[in-house]
Amino acid sequence: MLVLSRREGEGITLTLEDGRKIYISHVAYRQGEVRLGIDAPKTINIARTEVDDGRNAWKEGGFDG
């Protein structure tokens, strides 16, 4: 895992193998919460980890909710 420090207004760029880019920006920090902005091609699925984990559990038949 690569860990980076970013100030508000700064960001990182991820370049996919096919040359498309994903931009992640540090938008704000308030009350202990970091707000990120993500600019990615529409074909890229973006989900919070806790949501994605729930989807995976549902698909694998391990969802109790």
C-alpha atoms as a PDB file:
ATOM      1  CA  MET A   1       0.000   0.000   0.000  1.00  0.00           C
ATOM      2  CA  LEU A   2       1.276   3.433  -0.930  1.00  0.00           C
ATOM      3  CA  VAL A   3       0.475   6.101   1.676  1.00  0.00           C
ATOM      4  CA  LEU A   4       0.553   9.754   0.592  1.00  0.00           C
ATOM      5  CA  SER A   5      -0.044  13.012   2.445  1.00  0.00           C
ATOM      6  CA  ARG A   6      -2.100  15.647   0.624  1.00  0.00           C
ATOM      7  CA  ARG A   7      -3.240  19.103   1.689  1.00  0.00           C
ATOM      8  CA  GLU A   8      -6.599  20.560   0.717  1.00  0.00           C
ATOM      9  CA  GLY A   9      -6.626  21.255  -3.008  1.00  0.00           C
ATOM     10  CA  GLU A  10      -3.891  18.717  -3.743  1.00  0.00           C
ATOM     11  CA  GLY A  11      -4.477  15.325  -5.296  1.00  0.00           C
ATOM     12  CA  ILE A  12      -3.101  12.310  -7.083  1.00  0.00           C
ATOM     13  CA  THR A  13      -3.529  10.857 -10.558  1.00  0.00           C
ATOM     14  CA  LEU A  14      -3.891   7.154 -11.300  1.00  0.00           C
ATOM     15  CA  THR A  15      -3.168   6.103 -14.876  1.00  0.00           C
ATOM     16  CA  LEU A  16      -4.794   2.885 -16.027  1.00  0.00           C
ATOM     17  CA  GLU A  17      -3.050   0.462 -18.376  1.00  0.00           C
ATOM     18  CA  ASP A  18      -5.110   1.733 -21.309  1.00  0.00           C
ATOM     19  CA  GLY A  19      -4.049   5.339 -20.659  1.00  0.00           C
ATOM     20  CA  ARG A  20      -7.277   6.533 -19.005  1.00  0.00           C
ATOM     21  CA  LYS A  21      -6.782   8.550 -15.830  1.00  0.00           C
ATOM     22  CA  ILE A  22      -8.474   8.782 -12.457  1.00  0.00           C
ATOM     23  CA  TYR A  23      -7.995  11.972 -10.446  1.00  0.00           C
ATOM     24  CA  ILE A  24      -8.438  11.950  -6.667  1.00  0.00           C
ATOM     25  CA  SER A  25      -8.468  15.316  -4.882  1.00  0.00           C
ATOM     26  CA  HIS A  26      -8.409  16.236  -1.212  1.00  0.00           C
ATOM     27  CA  VAL A  27     -11.413  18.560  -1.139  1.00  0.00           C
ATOM     28  CA  ALA A  28     -11.809  19.322   2.577  1.00  0.00           C
ATOM     29  CA  TYR A  29     -11.097  18.229   6.130  1.00  0.00           C
ATOM     30  CA  ARG A  30     -13.565  19.059   8.885  1.00  0.00           C
ATOM     31  CA  GLN A  31     -14.559  17.503  12.173  1.00  0.00           C
ATOM     32  CA  GLY A  32     -12.187  14.575  11.714  1.00  0.00           C
ATOM     33  CA  GLU A  33     -13.564  13.700   8.283  1.00  0.00           C
ATOM     34  CA  VAL A  34     -11.679  13.830   4.988  1.00  0.00           C
ATOM     35  CA  ARG A  35     -13.681  14.676   1.876  1.00  0.00           C
ATOM     36  CA  LEU A  36     -12.324  13.336  -1.404  1.00  0.00           C
ATOM     37  CA  GLY A  37     -13.286  14.236  -4.945  1.00  0.00           C
ATOM     38  CA  ILE A  38     -12.915  11.530  -7.592  1.00  0.00           C
ATOM     39  CA  ASP A  39     -12.944  12.261 -11.311  1.00  0.00           C
ATOM     40  CA  ALA A  40     -12.960   9.027 -13.308  1.00  0.00           C
ATOM     41  CA  PRO A  41     -14.309   7.673 -16.597  1.00  0.00           C
ATOM     42  CA  LYS A  42     -17.981   6.689 -16.348  1.00  0.00           C
ATOM     43  CA  THR A  43     -17.070   3.063 -17.030  1.00  0.00           C
ATOM     44  CA  ILE A  44     -15.133   2.870 -13.738  1.00  0.00           C
ATOM     45  CA  ASN A  45     -17.214   1.693 -10.762  1.00  0.00           C
ATOM     46  CA  ILE A  46     -16.497   3.633  -7.568  1.00  0.00           C
ATOM     47  CA  ALA A  47     -17.845   2.515  -4.184  1.00  0.00           C
ATOM     48  CA  ARG A  48     -16.963   3.068  -0.544  1.00  0.00           C
ATOM     49  CA  THR A  49     -15.235   0.002   0.911  1.00  0.00           C
ATOM     50  CA  GLU A  50     -18.047  -0.760   3.365  1.00  0.00           C
ATOM     51  CA  VAL A  51     -20.583  -0.691   0.517  1.00  0.00           C
ATOM     52  CA  ASP A  52     -18.422  -2.801  -1.765  1.00  0.00           C
ATOM     53  CA  ASP A  53     -17.777  -5.350   1.032  1.00  0.00           C
ATOM     54  CA  GLY A  54     -21.545  -5.647   1.524  1.00  0.00           C
ATOM     55  CA  ARG A  55     -22.066  -6.273  -2.185  1.00  0.00           C
ATOM     56  CA  ASN A  56     -19.391  -8.975  -2.168  1.00  0.00           C
ATOM     57  CA  ALA A  57     -20.931 -10.666   0.881  1.00  0.00           C
ATOM     58  CA  TRP A  58     -24.341 -10.591  -0.815  1.00  0.00           C
ATOM     59  CA  LYS A  59     -22.942 -12.168  -4.009  1.00  0.00           C
ATOM     60  CA  GLU A  60     -21.141 -14.858  -2.017  1.00  0.00           C
ATOM     61  CA  GLY A  61     -24.247 -15.695   0.015  1.00  0.00           C
ATOM     62  CA  GLY A  62     -22.809 -14.485   3.327  1.00  0.00           C
ATOM     63  CA  PHE A  63     -25.048 -11.470   3.874  1.00  0.00           C
ATOM     64  CA  ASP A  64     -27.096 -11.627   7.083  1.00  0.00           C
ATOM     65  CA  GLY A  65     -29.054  -8.362   6.638  1.00  0.00           C
END
